[in-house]
Amino acid sequence: MGRRFRGESHHKVDTKGRVSIPALFRHVLAAEDPECQEGGTPNLVIVYGDHRQDHLKCYTVNAINEIDAQIAAMPRGTRERRYLERLYSGLSLPTSVDETGRLVLPAKLREKIGIEGEAFFIATGDSFQIWKPETYNEKFGVEDEAWLDEMGDDFDPLVFLESKQAEG
């Protein structure tokens, strides 16, 4: 596993769908693209998904290659493999960052998730997500705050890692 994405940010989306990618994200994309030369424009894959997905998932070249290898190792003809092939190959868009650090989001993708003038970027480890800010806040803001309130003031989220290590 290589470099990982960290952070979150809001960026303006112009009428042509151009949006600046956070600088830290661009560095990870470049480091995780074996074909990207020093100062070059890195490639990535945007998975826009099926009708249920309300955000875009963006993967580095290395991350999507790892996913593709895992899919290829599955038995041919299974429903699970067909779905994953459709999702990660068919319902995706290979693209690259331009010379100014921007990404062009085609109208089809902007319409799918409802992005108009602003996009919200959030890191998710070896990938990052692009959301309509309001959708992200509706989905995670209130729900997460209520859940955290239930956990109490002295709650340490690292306890989840401890319980996973005990299981393994």
N, C-alpha and C. Protein backbone atom coordinates (compact mmCIF):
# COMPACT_ATOMS: atom_id res chain seq x y z
N MET A 1 0.85 -1.18 0.00
CA MET A 1 0.00 0.00 0.00
C MET A 1 0.89 1.23 0.00
N GLY A 2 0.60 2.17 -0.89
CA GLY A 2 1.40 3.37 -1.04
C GLY A 2 0.88 4.54 -0.23
N ARG A 3 1.09 5.70 -0.78
CA ARG A 3 0.65 6.93 -0.12
C ARG A 3 -0.87 6.98 -0.04
N ARG A 4 -1.35 7.63 1.00
CA ARG A 4 -2.79 7.67 1.25
C ARG A 4 -3.28 9.11 1.25
N PHE A 5 -4.55 9.27 0.89
CA PHE A 5 -5.17 10.58 0.89
C PHE A 5 -5.53 10.97 2.32
N ARG A 6 -5.43 12.26 2.62
CA ARG A 6 -5.80 12.81 3.92
C ARG A 6 -6.51 14.14 3.71
N GLY A 7 -7.52 14.40 4.53
CA GLY A 7 -8.15 15.72 4.55
C GLY A 7 -9.47 15.80 3.82
N GLU A 8 -9.99 17.02 3.82
CA GLU A 8 -11.25 17.34 3.16
C GLU A 8 -11.19 18.80 2.72
N SER A 9 -11.95 19.16 1.70
CA SER A 9 -11.99 20.55 1.25
C SER A 9 -13.15 20.78 0.30
N HIS A 10 -13.52 22.05 0.17
CA HIS A 10 -14.56 22.48 -0.76
C HIS A 10 -13.88 23.22 -1.91
N HIS A 11 -14.38 22.99 -3.14
CA HIS A 11 -13.81 23.65 -4.31
C HIS A 11 -14.93 24.06 -5.26
N LYS A 12 -14.75 25.21 -5.90
CA LYS A 12 -15.70 25.70 -6.89
C LYS A 12 -15.64 24.82 -8.14
N VAL A 13 -16.80 24.63 -8.74
CA VAL A 13 -16.91 23.91 -10.02
C VAL A 13 -17.41 24.92 -11.04
N ASP A 14 -16.66 25.12 -12.13
CA ASP A 14 -17.10 26.09 -13.12
C ASP A 14 -18.14 25.47 -14.06
N THR A 15 -18.65 26.28 -14.97
CA THR A 15 -19.75 25.83 -15.84
C THR A 15 -19.32 24.71 -16.80
N LYS A 16 -18.02 24.56 -17.04
CA LYS A 16 -17.52 23.48 -17.89
C LYS A 16 -17.21 22.23 -17.09
N GLY A 17 -17.45 22.27 -15.77
CA GLY A 17 -17.21 21.11 -14.93
C GLY A 17 -15.80 20.99 -14.40
N ARG A 18 -15.00 22.04 -14.57
CA ARG A 18 -13.62 22.00 -14.09
C ARG A 18 -13.59 22.32 -12.59
N VAL A 19 -12.84 21.52 -11.86
CA VAL A 19 -12.71 21.70 -10.41
C VAL A 19 -11.27 21.42 -10.02
N SER A 20 -10.72 22.26 -9.16
CA SER A 20 -9.35 22.05 -8.68
C SER A 20 -9.33 20.89 -7.70
N ILE A 21 -8.35 20.02 -7.86
CA ILE A 21 -8.16 18.91 -6.92
C ILE A 21 -7.28 19.42 -5.79
N PRO A 22 -7.59 19.10 -4.55
CA PRO A 22 -6.73 19.55 -3.45
C PRO A 22 -5.27 19.18 -3.72
N ALA A 23 -4.36 20.10 -3.42
CA ALA A 23 -2.94 19.90 -3.71
C ALA A 23 -2.40 18.60 -3.11
N LEU A 24 -2.77 18.31 -1.86
CA LEU A 24 -2.29 17.07 -1.24
C LEU A 24 -2.80 15.84 -1.99
N PHE A 25 -4.00 15.91 -2.53
CA PHE A 25 -4.54 14.80 -3.30
C PHE A 25 -3.75 14.62 -4.60
N ARG A 26 -3.38 15.75 -5.24
CA ARG A 26 -2.62 15.66 -6.49
C ARG A 26 -1.28 14.97 -6.27
N HIS A 27 -0.65 15.25 -5.14
CA HIS A 27 0.64 14.61 -4.83
C HIS A 27 0.48 13.09 -4.71
N VAL A 28 -0.59 12.65 -4.07
CA VAL A 28 -0.83 11.21 -3.92
C VAL A 28 -1.13 10.59 -5.29
N LEU A 29 -1.95 11.25 -6.10
CA LEU A 29 -2.26 10.73 -7.43
C LEU A 29 -0.99 10.56 -8.26
N ALA A 30 -0.10 11.53 -8.20
CA ALA A 30 1.14 11.45 -8.96
C ALA A 30 2.03 10.32 -8.44
N ALA A 31 2.14 10.20 -7.12
CA ALA A 31 3.00 9.17 -6.53
C ALA A 31 2.47 7.77 -6.80
N GLU A 32 1.16 7.64 -6.97
CA GLU A 32 0.53 6.33 -7.16
C GLU A 32 0.19 6.04 -8.63
N ASP A 33 0.80 6.80 -9.54
CA ASP A 33 0.65 6.55 -10.97
C ASP A 33 2.04 6.23 -11.53
N PRO A 34 2.32 4.94 -11.78
CA PRO A 34 3.65 4.54 -12.22
C PRO A 34 4.11 5.23 -13.52
N GLU A 35 3.17 5.70 -14.34
CA GLU A 35 3.53 6.32 -15.61
C GLU A 35 3.68 7.83 -15.52
N CYS A 36 3.37 8.41 -14.36
CA CYS A 36 3.43 9.86 -14.21
C CYS A 36 4.88 10.30 -13.99
N GLN A 37 5.36 11.14 -14.88
CA GLN A 37 6.72 11.67 -14.79
C GLN A 37 6.73 12.87 -13.84
N GLU A 38 7.90 13.21 -13.33
CA GLU A 38 8.06 14.37 -12.45
C GLU A 38 7.44 15.60 -13.10
N GLY A 39 6.50 16.23 -12.40
CA GLY A 39 5.83 17.41 -12.92
C GLY A 39 4.75 17.12 -13.94
N GLY A 40 4.46 15.84 -14.19
CA GLY A 40 3.46 15.45 -15.18
C GLY A 40 2.04 15.50 -14.61
N THR A 41 1.11 15.09 -15.44
CA THR A 41 -0.29 15.07 -15.03
C THR A 41 -0.70 13.63 -14.72
N PRO A 42 -1.05 13.35 -13.47
CA PRO A 42 -1.39 11.97 -13.09
C PRO A 42 -2.76 11.53 -13.59
N ASN A 43 -2.88 10.22 -13.77
CA ASN A 43 -4.15 9.60 -14.14
C ASN A 43 -4.87 9.13 -12.89
N LEU A 44 -6.17 8.93 -13.03
CA LEU A 44 -7.01 8.38 -11.98
C LEU A 44 -8.23 7.76 -12.61
N VAL A 45 -9.02 7.06 -11.82
CA VAL A 45 -10.27 6.48 -12.31
C VAL A 45 -11.39 6.95 -11.38
N ILE A 46 -12.43 7.51 -11.99
CA ILE A 46 -13.61 7.93 -11.24
C ILE A 46 -14.67 6.85 -11.41
N VAL A 47 -15.11 6.27 -10.31
CA VAL A 47 -16.20 5.29 -10.34
C VAL A 47 -17.47 6.03 -9.93
N TYR A 48 -18.41 6.13 -10.87
CA TYR A 48 -19.65 6.85 -10.58
C TYR A 48 -20.77 5.91 -10.17
N GLY A 49 -20.63 4.64 -10.44
CA GLY A 49 -21.51 3.63 -9.89
C GLY A 49 -22.92 3.57 -10.42
N ASP A 50 -23.68 2.71 -9.76
CA ASP A 50 -25.06 2.46 -10.17
C ASP A 50 -26.00 3.53 -9.61
N HIS A 51 -27.29 3.28 -9.75
CA HIS A 51 -28.31 4.26 -9.39
C HIS A 51 -28.32 4.61 -7.91
N ARG A 52 -27.72 3.80 -7.07
CA ARG A 52 -27.73 4.06 -5.63
C ARG A 52 -26.60 4.96 -5.16
N GLN A 53 -25.57 5.10 -5.97
CA GLN A 53 -24.40 5.87 -5.54
C GLN A 53 -24.64 7.37 -5.72
N ASP A 54 -24.48 8.12 -4.65
CA ASP A 54 -24.75 9.55 -4.66
C ASP A 54 -23.49 10.41 -4.56
N HIS A 55 -22.35 9.82 -4.89
CA HIS A 55 -21.07 10.53 -4.89
C HIS A 55 -20.14 9.82 -5.87
N LEU A 56 -19.00 10.45 -6.13
CA LEU A 56 -18.01 9.86 -7.02
C LEU A 56 -16.87 9.32 -6.19
N LYS A 57 -16.38 8.12 -6.55
CA LYS A 57 -15.23 7.52 -5.87
C LYS A 57 -14.05 7.62 -6.83
N CYS A 58 -12.96 8.20 -6.36
CA CYS A 58 -11.79 8.42 -7.21
C CYS A 58 -10.63 7.59 -6.71
N TYR A 59 -10.06 6.80 -7.61
CA TYR A 59 -8.99 5.87 -7.26
C TYR A 59 -7.71 6.21 -7.99
N THR A 60 -6.58 6.00 -7.31
CA THR A 60 -5.28 6.13 -7.97
C THR A 60 -5.12 4.98 -8.95
N VAL A 61 -4.14 5.10 -9.83
CA VAL A 61 -3.86 4.03 -10.78
C VAL A 61 -3.50 2.75 -10.03
N ASN A 62 -2.63 2.85 -9.03
CA ASN A 62 -2.24 1.65 -8.28
C ASN A 62 -3.43 1.02 -7.56
N ALA A 63 -4.29 1.84 -6.96
CA ALA A 63 -5.45 1.30 -6.23
C ALA A 63 -6.42 0.60 -7.17
N ILE A 64 -6.71 1.20 -8.34
CA ILE A 64 -7.65 0.55 -9.26
C ILE A 64 -7.03 -0.70 -9.86
N ASN A 65 -5.71 -0.71 -10.07
CA ASN A 65 -5.06 -1.93 -10.56
C ASN A 65 -5.17 -3.06 -9.54
N GLU A 66 -5.07 -2.73 -8.27
CA GLU A 66 -5.22 -3.74 -7.22
C GLU A 66 -6.64 -4.29 -7.21
N ILE A 67 -7.62 -3.42 -7.35
CA ILE A 67 -9.02 -3.86 -7.40
C ILE A 67 -9.25 -4.74 -8.63
N ASP A 68 -8.74 -4.31 -9.78
CA ASP A 68 -8.89 -5.09 -11.02
C ASP A 68 -8.29 -6.49 -10.87
N ALA A 69 -7.13 -6.58 -10.22
CA ALA A 69 -6.48 -7.88 -10.02
C ALA A 69 -7.32 -8.79 -9.12
N GLN A 70 -7.93 -8.21 -8.10
CA GLN A 70 -8.79 -9.00 -7.21
C GLN A 70 -10.04 -9.47 -7.94
N ILE A 71 -10.59 -8.65 -8.80
CA ILE A 71 -11.76 -9.05 -9.59
C ILE A 71 -11.37 -10.17 -10.56
N ALA A 72 -10.22 -10.02 -11.21
CA ALA A 72 -9.77 -11.02 -12.18
C ALA A 72 -9.53 -12.38 -11.53
N ALA A 73 -9.24 -12.38 -10.23
CA ALA A 73 -8.98 -13.64 -9.52
C ALA A 73 -10.27 -14.36 -9.13
N MET A 74 -11.41 -13.70 -9.28
CA MET A 74 -12.70 -14.33 -8.94
C MET A 74 -13.11 -15.31 -10.04
N PRO A 75 -13.94 -16.28 -9.70
CA PRO A 75 -14.41 -17.22 -10.73
C PRO A 75 -15.21 -16.49 -11.82
N ARG A 76 -14.90 -16.80 -13.07
CA ARG A 76 -15.63 -16.20 -14.20
C ARG A 76 -17.10 -16.61 -14.16
N GLY A 77 -17.94 -15.69 -14.60
CA GLY A 77 -19.35 -16.01 -14.75
C GLY A 77 -20.18 -15.87 -13.49
N THR A 78 -19.55 -15.60 -12.35
CA THR A 78 -20.35 -15.44 -11.14
C THR A 78 -21.04 -14.07 -11.14
N ARG A 79 -22.14 -14.00 -10.49
CA ARG A 79 -22.87 -12.75 -10.39
C ARG A 79 -22.01 -11.67 -9.74
N GLU A 80 -21.28 -12.05 -8.69
CA GLU A 80 -20.45 -11.09 -7.98
C GLU A 80 -19.37 -10.50 -8.88
N ARG A 81 -18.70 -11.38 -9.65
CA ARG A 81 -17.65 -10.88 -10.56
C ARG A 81 -18.26 -9.99 -11.63
N ARG A 82 -19.37 -10.40 -12.21
CA ARG A 82 -20.01 -9.59 -13.26
C ARG A 82 -20.38 -8.21 -12.71
N TYR A 83 -20.91 -8.16 -11.49
CA TYR A 83 -21.28 -6.87 -10.90
C TYR A 83 -20.04 -6.00 -10.69
N LEU A 84 -18.99 -6.59 -10.11
CA LEU A 84 -17.78 -5.81 -9.86
C LEU A 84 -17.13 -5.34 -11.17
N GLU A 85 -17.15 -6.18 -12.21
CA GLU A 85 -16.63 -5.77 -13.51
C GLU A 85 -17.44 -4.60 -14.06
N ARG A 86 -18.75 -4.71 -13.94
CA ARG A 86 -19.61 -3.64 -14.43
C ARG A 86 -19.35 -2.35 -13.66
N LEU A 87 -19.24 -2.46 -12.35
CA LEU A 87 -19.06 -1.29 -11.51
C LEU A 87 -17.71 -0.62 -11.74
N TYR A 88 -16.62 -1.40 -11.65
CA TYR A 88 -15.28 -0.81 -11.70
C TYR A 88 -14.72 -0.65 -13.10
N SER A 89 -15.29 -1.31 -14.09
CA SER A 89 -14.85 -1.12 -15.47
C SER A 89 -15.88 -0.34 -16.28
N GLY A 90 -17.14 -0.74 -16.18
CA GLY A 90 -18.18 -0.11 -16.99
C GLY A 90 -18.69 1.21 -16.45
N LEU A 91 -18.93 1.29 -15.17
CA LEU A 91 -19.50 2.49 -14.57
C LEU A 91 -18.40 3.36 -13.98
N SER A 92 -17.36 3.55 -14.78
CA SER A 92 -16.21 4.32 -14.33
C SER A 92 -15.66 5.14 -15.50
N LEU A 93 -14.82 6.09 -15.16
CA LEU A 93 -14.24 6.98 -16.16
C LEU A 93 -12.75 7.16 -15.89
N PRO A 94 -11.89 6.62 -16.77
CA PRO A 94 -10.47 6.92 -16.63
C PRO A 94 -10.24 8.36 -17.09
N THR A 95 -9.47 9.11 -16.35
CA THR A 95 -9.23 10.51 -16.67
C THR A 95 -7.88 10.94 -16.11
N SER A 96 -7.55 12.20 -16.28
CA SER A 96 -6.29 12.69 -15.74
C SER A 96 -6.47 14.12 -15.22
N VAL A 97 -5.54 14.52 -14.40
CA VAL A 97 -5.50 15.88 -13.88
C VAL A 97 -4.86 16.74 -14.96
N ASP A 98 -5.39 17.95 -15.20
CA ASP A 98 -4.78 18.79 -16.22
C ASP A 98 -3.56 19.53 -15.67
N GLU A 99 -2.90 20.30 -16.51
CA GLU A 99 -1.66 20.99 -16.14
C GLU A 99 -1.86 21.99 -15.01
N THR A 100 -3.08 22.45 -14.80
CA THR A 100 -3.34 23.44 -13.74
C THR A 100 -3.86 22.80 -12.45
N GLY A 101 -3.86 21.45 -12.41
CA GLY A 101 -4.31 20.76 -11.20
C GLY A 101 -5.80 20.58 -11.11
N ARG A 102 -6.47 20.71 -12.25
CA ARG A 102 -7.92 20.56 -12.26
C ARG A 102 -8.35 19.24 -12.89
N LEU A 103 -9.56 18.88 -12.55
CA LEU A 103 -10.21 17.69 -13.07
C LEU A 103 -11.47 18.17 -13.78
N VAL A 104 -11.77 17.60 -14.92
CA VAL A 104 -13.02 17.93 -15.61
C VAL A 104 -14.04 16.86 -15.27
N LEU A 105 -15.13 17.28 -14.64
CA LEU A 105 -16.23 16.38 -14.33
C LEU A 105 -17.26 16.52 -15.44
N PRO A 106 -17.44 15.48 -16.27
CA PRO A 106 -18.43 15.56 -17.35
C PRO A 106 -19.83 15.84 -16.81
N ALA A 107 -20.66 16.44 -17.66
CA ALA A 107 -22.02 16.80 -17.27
C ALA A 107 -22.77 15.59 -16.73
N LYS A 108 -22.59 14.43 -17.34
CA LYS A 108 -23.28 13.21 -16.89
C LYS A 108 -22.99 12.92 -15.41
N LEU A 109 -21.74 13.07 -15.00
CA LEU A 109 -21.37 12.80 -13.62
C LEU A 109 -21.87 13.89 -12.68
N ARG A 110 -21.76 15.15 -13.13
CA ARG A 110 -22.26 16.26 -12.29
C ARG A 110 -23.76 16.12 -12.07
N GLU A 111 -24.48 15.77 -13.12
CA GLU A 111 -25.94 15.61 -13.01
C GLU A 111 -26.29 14.43 -12.10
N LYS A 112 -25.55 13.36 -12.21
CA LYS A 112 -25.83 12.15 -11.43
C LYS A 112 -25.82 12.44 -9.94
N ILE A 113 -24.83 13.24 -9.48
CA ILE A 113 -24.73 13.49 -8.04
C ILE A 113 -25.21 14.89 -7.65
N GLY A 114 -25.68 15.67 -8.63
CA GLY A 114 -26.27 16.97 -8.35
C GLY A 114 -25.30 18.11 -8.08
N ILE A 115 -24.06 17.97 -8.52
CA ILE A 115 -23.09 19.04 -8.30
C ILE A 115 -23.37 20.19 -9.26
N GLU A 116 -23.37 21.39 -8.69
CA GLU A 116 -23.55 22.59 -9.52
C GLU A 116 -22.35 23.51 -9.35
N GLY A 117 -22.33 24.34 -8.34
CA GLY A 117 -21.26 25.33 -8.21
C GLY A 117 -20.14 24.97 -7.26
N GLU A 118 -20.30 23.90 -6.49
CA GLU A 118 -19.28 23.55 -5.51
C GLU A 118 -19.24 22.04 -5.31
N ALA A 119 -18.02 21.54 -5.05
CA ALA A 119 -17.82 20.11 -4.78
C ALA A 119 -17.10 19.96 -3.45
N PHE A 120 -17.44 18.89 -2.74
CA PHE A 120 -16.80 18.57 -1.47
C PHE A 120 -15.94 17.33 -1.68
N PHE A 121 -14.66 17.44 -1.36
CA PHE A 121 -13.70 16.34 -1.47
C PHE A 121 -13.42 15.81 -0.08
N ILE A 122 -13.42 14.49 0.08
CA ILE A 122 -13.04 13.90 1.36
C ILE A 122 -12.19 12.66 1.11
N ALA A 123 -11.10 12.57 1.85
CA ALA A 123 -10.18 11.45 1.73
C ALA A 123 -10.77 10.20 2.36
N THR A 124 -10.49 9.05 1.74
CA THR A 124 -10.93 7.76 2.28
C THR A 124 -9.81 6.74 2.14
N GLY A 125 -8.63 7.12 2.56
CA GLY A 125 -7.49 6.20 2.52
C GLY A 125 -6.84 6.14 1.16
N ASP A 126 -7.03 5.02 0.43
CA ASP A 126 -6.39 4.89 -0.88
C ASP A 126 -7.27 5.43 -2.01
N SER A 127 -8.33 6.13 -1.64
CA SER A 127 -9.20 6.78 -2.62
C SER A 127 -9.73 8.06 -1.99
N PHE A 128 -10.46 8.83 -2.80
CA PHE A 128 -11.17 9.98 -2.24
C PHE A 128 -12.53 10.07 -2.90
N GLN A 129 -13.42 10.79 -2.26
CA GLN A 129 -14.78 10.92 -2.76
C GLN A 129 -15.07 12.37 -3.09
N ILE A 130 -15.94 12.56 -4.08
CA ILE A 130 -16.43 13.89 -4.43
C ILE A 130 -17.94 13.88 -4.24
N TRP A 131 -18.43 14.83 -3.47
CA TRP A 131 -19.85 14.92 -3.11
C TRP A 131 -20.41 16.30 -3.43
N LYS A 132 -21.70 16.34 -3.61
CA LYS A 132 -22.42 17.61 -3.51
C LYS A 132 -22.40 17.92 -2.02
N PRO A 133 -21.92 19.11 -1.61
CA PRO A 133 -21.77 19.38 -0.17
C PRO A 133 -23.03 19.13 0.65
N GLU A 134 -24.16 19.53 0.14
CA GLU A 134 -25.41 19.36 0.88
C GLU A 134 -25.75 17.88 1.09
N THR A 135 -25.51 17.07 0.08
CA THR A 135 -25.78 15.63 0.19
C THR A 135 -24.90 15.01 1.26
N TYR A 136 -23.62 15.36 1.26
CA TYR A 136 -22.71 14.82 2.27
C TYR A 136 -23.17 15.22 3.68
N ASN A 137 -23.51 16.49 3.85
CA ASN A 137 -23.95 16.96 5.17
C ASN A 137 -25.23 16.28 5.62
N GLU A 138 -26.18 16.10 4.70
CA GLU A 138 -27.43 15.42 5.04
C GLU A 138 -27.18 13.97 5.44
N LYS A 139 -26.30 13.31 4.72
CA LYS A 139 -26.07 11.90 4.93
C LYS A 139 -25.25 11.62 6.19
N PHE A 140 -24.23 12.44 6.43
CA PHE A 140 -23.31 12.14 7.53
C PHE A 140 -23.35 13.13 8.68
N GLY A 141 -23.67 14.37 8.42
CA GLY A 141 -23.63 15.38 9.46
C GLY A 141 -24.46 15.06 10.69
N VAL A 142 -25.76 15.04 10.55
CA VAL A 142 -26.67 14.83 11.68
C VAL A 142 -26.54 13.42 12.25
N GLU A 143 -26.49 12.43 11.36
CA GLU A 143 -26.42 11.04 11.80
C GLU A 143 -25.15 10.76 12.61
N ASP A 144 -24.02 11.23 12.12
CA ASP A 144 -22.76 11.01 12.83
C ASP A 144 -22.71 11.76 14.16
N GLU A 145 -23.23 12.98 14.17
CA GLU A 145 -23.23 13.75 15.41
C GLU A 145 -24.07 13.05 16.48
N ALA A 146 -25.23 12.54 16.11
CA ALA A 146 -26.09 11.83 17.08
C ALA A 146 -25.39 10.57 17.59
N TRP A 147 -24.75 9.84 16.70
CA TRP A 147 -24.04 8.62 17.09
C TRP A 147 -22.90 8.94 18.04
N LEU A 148 -22.14 9.98 17.72
CA LEU A 148 -21.03 10.37 18.60
C LEU A 148 -21.53 10.82 19.97
N ASP A 149 -22.65 11.52 20.01
CA ASP A 149 -23.23 11.93 21.29
C ASP A 149 -23.58 10.73 22.15
N GLU A 150 -24.04 9.65 21.51
CA GLU A 150 -24.36 8.42 22.25
C GLU A 150 -23.12 7.77 22.84
N MET A 151 -21.97 7.97 22.21
CA MET A 151 -20.73 7.34 22.64
C MET A 151 -20.16 7.94 23.92
N GLY A 152 -20.54 9.14 24.24
CA GLY A 152 -20.04 9.79 25.46
C GLY A 152 -18.83 10.66 25.19
N ASP A 153 -18.54 11.53 26.15
CA ASP A 153 -17.47 12.52 25.98
C ASP A 153 -16.08 11.90 25.94
N ASP A 154 -15.87 10.77 26.61
CA ASP A 154 -14.53 10.19 26.68
C ASP A 154 -14.30 9.09 25.62
N PHE A 155 -15.17 9.03 24.62
CA PHE A 155 -15.07 8.02 23.57
C PHE A 155 -13.78 8.19 22.77
N ASP A 156 -13.06 7.10 22.57
CA ASP A 156 -11.84 7.07 21.76
C ASP A 156 -12.10 6.16 20.55
N PRO A 157 -12.17 6.73 19.34
CA PRO A 157 -12.48 5.91 18.16
C PRO A 157 -11.45 4.82 17.86
N LEU A 158 -10.26 4.93 18.40
CA LEU A 158 -9.25 3.90 18.17
C LEU A 158 -9.62 2.56 18.81
N VAL A 159 -10.63 2.57 19.66
CA VAL A 159 -11.09 1.32 20.27
C VAL A 159 -11.60 0.35 19.19
N PHE A 160 -12.09 0.89 18.06
CA PHE A 160 -12.54 0.03 16.97
C PHE A 160 -11.38 -0.79 16.41
N LEU A 161 -10.21 -0.21 16.35
CA LEU A 161 -9.04 -0.93 15.85
C LEU A 161 -8.63 -2.02 16.81
N GLU A 162 -8.72 -1.73 18.10
CA GLU A 162 -8.37 -2.72 19.11
C GLU A 162 -9.30 -3.93 19.02
N SER A 163 -10.59 -3.72 18.80
CA SER A 163 -11.52 -4.83 18.73
C SER A 163 -11.28 -5.66 17.46
N LYS A 164 -10.87 -5.04 16.36
CA LYS A 164 -10.57 -5.77 15.12
C LYS A 164 -9.32 -6.62 15.29
N GLN A 165 -8.31 -6.09 16.00
CA GLN A 165 -7.08 -6.85 16.22
C GLN A 165 -7.34 -8.07 17.10
N ALA A 166 -8.24 -7.92 18.07
CA ALA A 166 -8.55 -9.04 18.96
C ALA A 166 -9.26 -10.17 18.19
N GLU A 167 -10.09 -9.78 17.17
CA GLU A 167 -10.81 -10.78 16.37
C GLU A 167 -9.85 -11.57 15.48
N GLY A 168 -8.83 -10.87 14.94
CA GLY A 168 -7.93 -11.46 13.94
C GLY A 168 -6.91 -12.32 14.56
